[in-house]
Amino acid sequence: MKENKMRYTTVSIPEPLAKKIEQRIKGTGFNSVTSFVVYVLRQTLAASSDQDKEVYSKEAEKDVKKRLKSLGYL
């Protein structure tokens, strides 16, 4: 049976940034700059994909605007 192995790539960051990250992660659960960077990137991508989702349907948005207008807010 074939084992699913995670493949990795190399990303270069400036040394001063790597040193700042090393200082920031001291005493945390992150055991390397790489683990912190992967975490931050995953969080950023998750947040941006959440923003892409439509919170209200167009019809619901029209209804809310209509109600706000009738109350004098719009």
Protein backbone atom coordinates (compact mmCIF):
# COMPACT_ATOMS: atom_id res chain seq x y z
CA MET A 1 0.00 0.00 0.00
CA LYS A 2 1.35 3.44 -0.96
CA GLU A 3 2.01 5.82 1.93
CA ASN A 4 0.88 9.43 1.45
CA LYS A 5 3.97 11.50 2.16
CA MET A 6 3.75 15.26 2.43
CA ARG A 7 6.08 16.93 -0.05
CA TYR A 8 7.72 20.20 0.90
CA THR A 9 9.23 23.13 -0.95
CA THR A 10 11.70 25.74 0.18
CA VAL A 11 10.66 29.36 0.69
CA SER A 12 13.31 31.96 1.41
CA ILE A 13 12.65 34.82 3.80
CA PRO A 14 15.01 37.61 4.84
CA GLU A 15 17.28 36.72 7.77
CA PRO A 16 16.11 39.66 9.92
CA LEU A 17 12.52 38.41 9.59
CA ALA A 18 13.56 34.86 10.48
CA LYS A 19 15.35 36.16 13.57
CA LYS A 20 12.26 38.15 14.63
CA ILE A 21 10.15 35.03 14.23
CA GLU A 22 12.66 33.01 16.29
CA GLN A 23 12.33 35.58 19.08
CA ARG A 24 8.53 35.65 18.80
CA ILE A 25 8.10 31.86 19.03
CA LYS A 26 10.28 31.35 22.12
CA GLY A 27 8.18 29.73 24.80
CA THR A 28 5.34 28.87 22.42
CA GLY A 29 4.29 25.57 20.90
CA PHE A 30 6.13 26.36 17.69
CA ASN A 31 9.36 24.44 17.43
CA SER A 32 10.68 26.14 14.29
CA VAL A 33 10.34 29.17 12.07
CA THR A 34 8.89 26.87 9.41
CA SER A 35 6.10 25.60 11.66
CA PHE A 36 5.15 29.19 12.56
CA VAL A 37 5.21 30.36 8.95
CA VAL A 38 3.06 27.40 7.84
CA TYR A 39 0.57 28.19 10.62
CA VAL A 40 0.36 31.88 9.68
CA LEU A 41 -0.08 31.08 5.98
CA ARG A 42 -2.85 28.56 6.72
CA GLN A 43 -4.66 31.07 8.93
CA THR A 44 -4.33 33.79 6.30
CA LEU A 45 -5.65 31.57 3.53
CA ALA A 46 -8.54 30.36 5.69
CA ALA A 47 -9.49 33.94 6.58
CA SER A 48 -9.39 35.07 2.96
CA SER A 49 -11.54 32.14 1.82
CA ASP A 50 -14.06 32.96 4.57
CA GLN A 51 -14.30 36.50 3.21
CA ASP A 52 -15.06 35.15 -0.25
CA LYS A 53 -18.20 33.45 1.02
CA GLU A 54 -21.44 35.36 0.63
CA VAL A 55 -22.95 36.06 4.06
CA TYR A 56 -26.40 37.02 2.78
CA SER A 57 -28.17 36.13 -0.41
CA LYS A 58 -28.89 39.00 -2.80
CA GLU A 59 -32.59 38.69 -1.98
CA ALA A 60 -31.94 38.89 1.77
CA GLU A 61 -29.71 41.91 1.21
CA LYS A 62 -32.48 43.64 -0.77
CA ASP A 63 -34.95 42.89 2.03
CA VAL A 64 -32.65 44.37 4.69
CA LYS A 65 -32.05 47.49 2.59
CA LYS A 66 -35.80 47.87 2.06
CA ARG A 67 -36.42 47.61 5.81
CA LEU A 68 -33.65 50.08 6.62
CA LYS A 69 -35.02 52.51 4.04
CA SER A 70 -38.53 52.26 5.49
CA LEU A 71 -37.07 53.05 8.92
CA GLY A 72 -35.32 56.11 7.52
CA TYR A 73 -31.76 54.79 7.74
CA LEU A 74 -31.18 54.77 3.99
